[in-house]
Amino acid sequence: MRTLIARLRSDQRGLTLTEVLVAMMVMSLAAGVFLSTLASVQKSVAETDIRTRTNTQARLALQTLDREVRSGNILYDPASSTDPYFRFKVYTQANATTRQPSPGYTCRLWRITPAGQLQTRFWEPGTVDPDVSASGWRTVATGIVNKSVDDPTDTTCEGATCAFRLDDDPNKGGRTVNVVFLVNEDLNGDLSSGTVKIQSALTGRNTSYGFPTDVCEDEPTD
């Protein structure tokens, strides 16, 4: 046994060049597969995170819009806007006790841009020149693709998906607006999959008792 151990210790033979090259090739392939899988996982996680944040933005924007509508004194028909069914205007007193100037009634306008941004702005009602009191456009959500996704079942918006529409049920008296947001960050240039629909029917008072219906007709220039 001692003789065998001594013989093995004295053996100076190593790997041939071919064996070394084969081992290096196997290791390179394994490393390539590992790095490729890791990159794919990281990309998927990043895209999922972006889509999650985008969907959350849209849902929070819908909650804000709901609050504006529920406290709305007048809901203006989106069909009569300069960009029908993609702009919505409401005369509201949401947060009236904290808004300035007192008493806090305000004209609020929402729109969806061709770039997929959901934006809002406000101005004082009944002013001769709304531009004086108007805020700038504020983007509250991105990836709103209503204007880019075809809806063959609805020809109202020229094949697109209407975002804002008053409920035509006469029993609701024009007090309910149906809101539909199609959300997709379009990370891969493909809207055929991954698009999320967020929708709700928002109801406001929509009463003109003591509130002139023309207070928000004049809008600031875009």
Protein backbone atom coordinates (compact mmCIF):
# COMPACT_ATOMS: atom_id res chain seq x y z
CA MET A 1 0.00 0.00 0.00
CA ARG A 2 2.80 2.40 0.86
CA THR A 3 4.44 1.64 -2.45
CA LEU A 4 1.19 2.46 -4.32
CA ILE A 5 0.73 5.76 -2.48
CA ALA A 6 4.30 6.75 -3.13
CA ARG A 7 3.89 5.90 -6.82
CA LEU A 8 0.74 8.06 -7.09
CA ARG A 9 2.47 10.98 -5.38
CA SER A 10 5.37 10.79 -7.79
CA ASP A 11 3.06 10.73 -10.85
CA GLN A 12 3.56 14.10 -12.64
CA ARG A 13 1.03 13.51 -15.40
CA GLY A 14 -1.61 16.32 -15.89
CA LEU A 15 -4.45 17.19 -18.28
CA THR A 16 -3.86 17.38 -21.97
CA LEU A 17 -4.52 20.59 -23.91
CA THR A 18 -7.65 19.04 -25.43
CA GLU A 19 -9.02 18.18 -22.01
CA VAL A 20 -8.37 21.72 -20.76
CA LEU A 21 -10.12 23.23 -23.79
CA VAL A 22 -13.12 20.95 -23.39
CA ALA A 23 -13.40 21.82 -19.69
CA MET A 24 -13.18 25.54 -20.47
CA MET A 25 -15.88 25.21 -23.14
CA VAL A 26 -18.22 23.41 -20.77
CA MET A 27 -17.66 26.03 -18.09
CA SER A 28 -18.24 28.85 -20.60
CA LEU A 29 -21.52 27.31 -21.75
CA ALA A 30 -22.68 26.86 -18.16
CA ALA A 31 -21.75 30.45 -17.29
CA GLY A 32 -23.51 31.73 -20.42
CA VAL A 33 -26.72 29.88 -19.59
CA PHE A 34 -26.59 31.14 -16.00
CA LEU A 35 -25.98 34.77 -16.97
CA SER A 36 -28.67 34.66 -19.66
CA THR A 37 -31.20 33.25 -17.20
CA LEU A 38 -30.23 35.83 -14.59
CA ALA A 39 -30.64 38.69 -17.09
CA SER A 40 -34.02 37.37 -18.19
CA VAL A 41 -35.22 37.12 -14.59
CA GLN A 42 -33.99 40.62 -13.79
CA LYS A 43 -35.72 42.06 -16.89
CA SER A 44 -38.97 40.28 -16.01
CA VAL A 45 -38.84 41.57 -12.43
CA ALA A 46 -38.15 45.13 -13.64
CA GLU A 47 -41.03 45.04 -16.16
CA THR A 48 -43.39 43.61 -13.56
CA ASP A 49 -42.42 46.35 -11.12
CA ILE A 50 -43.02 49.06 -13.73
CA ARG A 51 -46.41 47.62 -14.69
CA THR A 52 -47.39 47.31 -11.04
CA ARG A 53 -46.49 50.92 -10.35
CA THR A 54 -48.32 52.04 -13.50
CA ASN A 55 -51.48 50.15 -12.53
CA THR A 56 -51.26 51.59 -9.02
CA GLN A 57 -50.97 55.11 -10.44
CA ALA A 58 -54.09 54.59 -12.54
CA ARG A 59 -56.08 53.21 -9.60
CA LEU A 60 -55.06 56.10 -7.36
CA ALA A 61 -56.00 58.55 -10.12
CA LEU A 62 -59.40 56.88 -10.38
CA GLN A 63 -59.88 57.27 -6.62
CA THR A 64 -59.07 60.99 -6.90
CA LEU A 65 -61.46 61.34 -9.82
CA ASP A 66 -64.13 59.51 -7.83
CA ARG A 67 -63.75 61.99 -4.98
CA GLU A 68 -64.05 64.90 -7.42
CA VAL A 69 -67.17 63.43 -9.01
CA ARG A 70 -68.88 62.48 -5.74
CA SER A 71 -68.52 66.10 -4.63
CA GLY A 72 -69.38 67.37 -8.09
CA ASN A 73 -72.10 69.95 -8.51
CA ILE A 74 -72.07 69.74 -12.31
CA LEU A 75 -70.74 66.97 -14.54
CA TYR A 76 -70.07 68.14 -18.08
CA ASP A 77 -70.79 65.67 -20.86
CA PRO A 78 -67.46 64.28 -22.21
CA ALA A 79 -69.10 63.96 -25.63
CA SER A 80 -69.16 67.76 -25.93
CA SER A 81 -65.48 68.29 -25.09
CA THR A 82 -62.81 69.37 -27.57
CA ASP A 83 -61.49 65.81 -27.50
CA PRO A 84 -64.74 63.82 -27.14
CA TYR A 85 -64.71 60.98 -24.61
CA PHE A 86 -61.06 61.56 -23.73
CA ARG A 87 -61.56 64.74 -21.69
CA PHE A 88 -63.82 65.13 -18.68
CA LYS A 89 -64.74 68.28 -16.78
CA VAL A 90 -66.46 68.63 -13.43
CA TYR A 91 -67.47 71.57 -11.25
CA THR A 92 -66.68 70.24 -7.80
CA GLN A 93 -66.35 71.23 -4.18
CA ALA A 94 -64.16 68.32 -3.11
CA ASN A 95 -61.89 69.48 -0.28
CA ALA A 96 -63.79 72.77 -0.30
CA THR A 97 -62.93 73.50 3.34
CA THR A 98 -59.18 73.43 2.66
CA ARG A 99 -58.94 74.72 -0.88
CA GLN A 100 -58.11 78.29 -1.57
CA PRO A 101 -59.58 80.68 -2.50
CA SER A 102 -62.59 80.12 -0.26
CA PRO A 103 -65.07 78.46 -0.48
CA GLY A 104 -62.98 76.09 -2.55
CA TYR A 105 -65.29 75.34 -5.47
CA THR A 106 -63.21 74.59 -8.52
CA CYS A 107 -63.37 73.56 -12.16
CA ARG A 108 -61.42 70.37 -12.71
CA LEU A 109 -60.44 69.01 -16.11
CA TRP A 110 -59.01 65.57 -16.88
CA ARG A 111 -57.55 64.41 -20.18
CA ILE A 112 -55.66 61.55 -21.81
CA THR A 113 -52.86 62.65 -24.12
CA PRO A 114 -51.74 60.83 -27.30
CA ALA A 115 -48.59 59.87 -25.37
CA GLY A 116 -50.71 57.94 -22.84
CA GLN A 117 -50.53 60.40 -19.97
CA LEU A 118 -53.50 60.99 -17.68
CA GLN A 119 -53.35 64.66 -16.74
CA THR A 120 -55.45 67.06 -14.70
CA ARG A 121 -55.66 70.80 -14.09
CA PHE A 122 -58.03 73.18 -12.31
CA TRP A 123 -59.08 76.83 -12.33
CA GLU A 124 -61.47 79.15 -10.53
CA PRO A 125 -65.07 78.89 -11.73
CA GLY A 126 -66.86 81.79 -13.38
CA THR A 127 -63.70 83.77 -14.18
CA VAL A 128 -63.57 85.95 -17.29
CA ASP A 129 -60.06 84.74 -18.11
CA PRO A 130 -59.52 81.18 -16.79
CA ASP A 131 -55.84 81.32 -17.76
CA VAL A 132 -55.22 83.72 -14.87
CA SER A 133 -56.16 81.20 -12.19
CA ALA A 134 -55.46 77.96 -14.07
CA SER A 135 -52.89 75.51 -12.81
CA GLY A 136 -50.52 73.76 -15.16
CA TRP A 137 -51.22 70.26 -16.38
CA ARG A 138 -50.16 67.66 -13.81
CA THR A 139 -49.49 64.10 -14.93
CA VAL A 140 -51.03 61.66 -12.46
CA ALA A 141 -50.57 58.41 -14.41
CA THR A 142 -48.75 57.10 -17.46
CA GLY A 143 -49.29 54.14 -19.77
CA ILE A 144 -52.98 54.94 -20.35
CA VAL A 145 -53.40 53.42 -23.82
CA ASN A 146 -57.10 54.03 -24.53
CA LYS A 147 -56.24 55.89 -27.71
CA SER A 148 -53.98 53.09 -28.96
CA VAL A 149 -56.03 49.96 -28.32
CA ASP A 150 -58.72 49.07 -30.85
CA ASP A 151 -62.22 48.31 -29.59
CA PRO A 152 -64.22 46.81 -32.47
CA THR A 153 -67.35 46.67 -30.31
CA ASP A 154 -67.47 50.44 -29.85
CA THR A 155 -67.39 52.82 -32.81
CA THR A 156 -68.06 55.93 -30.74
CA CYS A 157 -64.37 56.78 -30.34
CA GLU A 158 -63.33 55.88 -33.90
CA GLY A 159 -62.27 52.37 -32.98
CA ALA A 160 -60.46 53.33 -29.79
CA THR A 161 -61.68 52.76 -26.23
CA CYS A 162 -63.62 55.69 -24.76
CA ALA A 163 -62.26 56.83 -21.40
CA PHE A 164 -65.09 59.02 -20.12
CA ARG A 165 -68.77 58.73 -20.92
CA LEU A 166 -71.95 59.83 -19.16
CA ASP A 167 -74.36 57.00 -18.46
CA ASP A 168 -77.31 57.41 -20.84
CA ASP A 169 -79.79 55.83 -18.43
CA PRO A 170 -82.49 58.50 -18.00
CA ASN A 171 -83.12 57.33 -14.45
CA LYS A 172 -79.60 58.44 -13.50
CA GLY A 173 -80.18 61.96 -14.71
CA GLY A 174 -76.69 62.51 -16.06
CA ARG A 175 -75.20 61.98 -12.61
CA THR A 176 -73.02 58.98 -13.46
CA VAL A 177 -69.88 58.95 -15.56
CA ASN A 178 -68.40 55.65 -16.71
CA VAL A 179 -64.62 55.68 -16.62
CA VAL A 180 -62.42 53.12 -18.38
CA PHE A 181 -58.62 53.19 -18.25
CA LEU A 182 -56.60 50.74 -20.33
CA VAL A 183 -53.17 50.51 -18.76
CA ASN A 184 -50.03 49.16 -20.39
CA GLU A 185 -46.53 50.66 -20.27
CA ASP A 186 -45.87 49.12 -23.71
CA LEU A 187 -42.38 48.05 -22.66
CA ASN A 188 -41.98 45.76 -25.65
CA GLY A 189 -43.98 47.72 -28.21
CA ASP A 190 -46.84 45.22 -28.02
CA LEU A 191 -50.25 46.23 -26.68
CA SER A 192 -51.92 42.96 -27.65
CA SER A 193 -51.02 41.45 -24.28
CA GLY A 194 -50.54 42.68 -20.76
CA THR A 195 -53.13 45.47 -21.03
CA VAL A 196 -55.12 45.91 -17.82
CA LYS A 197 -58.63 47.41 -17.82
CA ILE A 198 -59.53 49.58 -14.83
CA GLN A 199 -63.10 50.80 -14.86
CA SER A 200 -65.70 52.25 -12.55
CA ALA A 201 -69.04 54.05 -12.59
CA LEU A 202 -68.70 57.31 -10.64
CA THR A 203 -71.80 59.13 -9.41
CA GLY A 204 -72.07 62.77 -8.36
CA ARG A 205 -74.85 65.07 -7.30
CA ASN A 206 -74.85 66.88 -10.66
CA THR A 207 -77.41 69.38 -9.43
CA SER A 208 -77.67 72.93 -10.70
CA TYR A 209 -79.55 74.18 -7.63
CA GLY A 210 -77.71 77.36 -6.77
CA PHE A 211 -74.89 76.51 -9.16
CA PRO A 212 -74.94 78.16 -12.61
CA THR A 213 -74.24 75.58 -15.28
CA ASP A 214 -71.91 77.85 -17.25
CA VAL A 215 -69.32 78.44 -14.51
CA CYS A 216 -66.80 76.08 -16.09
CA GLU A 217 -67.67 76.41 -19.78
CA ASP A 218 -64.74 78.70 -20.51
CA GLU A 219 -61.55 76.64 -20.29
CA PRO A 220 -57.92 77.73 -20.12
CA THR A 221 -55.94 77.46 -23.30
CA ASP A 222 -53.90 74.27 -23.54
